[in-house]
Amino acid sequence: MEWQFIVALVIAIPIILFPAAFVWYLNIGGIYAAIREARARRAAHEKEVREAVKAK
């Protein structure tokens, strides 16, 4: 390979991969937030059920 082609690859690969990695990061962050919210809702629901059982 000629050196110009190698330089072009070295410049182009990060330009292509950075947006893809950024979108991947946003997707993983959204999934993590959704799981965390679901766990919090489940814990709150279980707490309400336990309190309702104690009240009876």
C-alpha atoms as a PDB file:
ATOM      1  CA  MET A   1       0.000   0.000   0.000  1.00  0.00           C
ATOM      2  CA  GLU A   2       1.110   3.505  -0.639  1.00  0.00           C
ATOM      3  CA  TRP A   3       1.648   5.817   2.292  1.00  0.00           C
ATOM      4  CA  GLN A   4      -1.103   8.209   1.147  1.00  0.00           C
ATOM      5  CA  PHE A   5      -3.668   5.438   1.400  1.00  0.00           C
ATOM      6  CA  ILE A   6      -2.488   4.508   4.893  1.00  0.00           C
ATOM      7  CA  VAL A   7      -2.686   8.150   6.004  1.00  0.00           C
ATOM      8  CA  ALA A   8      -6.194   8.397   4.548  1.00  0.00           C
ATOM      9  CA  LEU A   9      -7.239   5.291   6.503  1.00  0.00           C
ATOM     10  CA  VAL A  10      -5.702   6.612   9.720  1.00  0.00           C
ATOM     11  CA  ILE A  11      -7.685   9.827   9.313  1.00  0.00           C
ATOM     12  CA  ALA A  12     -10.947   8.285   8.062  1.00  0.00           C
ATOM     13  CA  ILE A  13     -11.345   5.418  10.534  1.00  0.00           C
ATOM     14  CA  PRO A  14     -11.717   7.595  13.677  1.00  0.00           C
ATOM     15  CA  ILE A  15     -14.052   9.949  11.811  1.00  0.00           C
ATOM     16  CA  ILE A  16     -16.288   6.992  10.939  1.00  0.00           C
ATOM     17  CA  LEU A  17     -16.033   5.168  14.270  1.00  0.00           C
ATOM     18  CA  PHE A  18     -16.536   8.123  16.650  1.00  0.00           C
ATOM     19  CA  PRO A  19     -20.186   8.786  15.694  1.00  0.00           C
ATOM     20  CA  ALA A  20     -20.949   5.062  15.785  1.00  0.00           C
ATOM     21  CA  ALA A  21     -19.388   4.730  19.240  1.00  0.00           C
ATOM     22  CA  PHE A  22     -21.270   7.817  20.438  1.00  0.00           C
ATOM     23  CA  VAL A  23     -24.634   6.440  19.290  1.00  0.00           C
ATOM     24  CA  TRP A  24     -23.786   3.093  20.908  1.00  0.00           C
ATOM     25  CA  TYR A  25     -22.975   4.911  24.159  1.00  0.00           C
ATOM     26  CA  LEU A  26     -26.308   6.760  24.068  1.00  0.00           C
ATOM     27  CA  ASN A  27     -28.222   3.522  23.450  1.00  0.00           C
ATOM     28  CA  ILE A  28     -26.499   1.703  26.308  1.00  0.00           C
ATOM     29  CA  GLY A  29     -27.146   4.688  28.592  1.00  0.00           C
ATOM     30  CA  GLY A  30     -30.838   4.657  27.708  1.00  0.00           C
ATOM     31  CA  ILE A  31     -31.138   0.931  28.308  1.00  0.00           C
ATOM     32  CA  TYR A  32     -29.376   1.284  31.661  1.00  0.00           C
ATOM     33  CA  ALA A  33     -31.705   4.130  32.706  1.00  0.00           C
ATOM     34  CA  ALA A  34     -34.790   2.121  31.715  1.00  0.00           C
ATOM     35  CA  ILE A  35     -33.621  -0.898  33.708  1.00  0.00           C
ATOM     36  CA  ARG A  36     -32.871   1.287  36.722  1.00  0.00           C
ATOM     37  CA  GLU A  37     -36.332   2.897  36.555  1.00  0.00           C
ATOM     38  CA  ALA A  38     -38.010  -0.502  36.235  1.00  0.00           C
ATOM     39  CA  ARG A  39     -36.147  -1.778  39.293  1.00  0.00           C
ATOM     40  CA  ALA A  40     -37.176   1.307  41.268  1.00  0.00           C
ATOM     41  CA  ARG A  41     -40.826   0.872  40.247  1.00  0.00           C
ATOM     42  CA  ARG A  42     -40.738  -2.817  41.144  1.00  0.00           C
ATOM     43  CA  ALA A  43     -39.203  -2.061  44.548  1.00  0.00           C
ATOM     44  CA  ALA A  44     -41.803   0.632  45.239  1.00  0.00           C
ATOM     45  CA  HIS A  45     -44.613  -1.723  44.238  1.00  0.00           C
ATOM     46  CA  GLU A  46     -43.279  -4.512  46.455  1.00  0.00           C
ATOM     47  CA  LYS A  47     -42.984  -2.068  49.350  1.00  0.00           C
ATOM     48  CA  GLU A  48     -46.619  -1.005  48.874  1.00  0.00           C
ATOM     49  CA  VAL A  49     -47.721  -4.644  48.834  1.00  0.00           C
ATOM     50  CA  ARG A  50     -45.791  -5.399  52.036  1.00  0.00           C
ATOM     51  CA  GLU A  51     -47.307  -2.354  53.777  1.00  0.00           C
ATOM     52  CA  ALA A  52     -50.794  -3.332  52.618  1.00  0.00           C
ATOM     53  CA  VAL A  53     -50.317  -6.850  53.994  1.00  0.00           C
ATOM     54  CA  LYS A  54     -49.101  -5.453  57.340  1.00  0.00           C
ATOM     55  CA  ALA A  55     -52.096  -3.103  57.551  1.00  0.00           C
ATOM     56  CA  LYS A  56     -54.591  -5.978  57.280  1.00  0.00           C
END
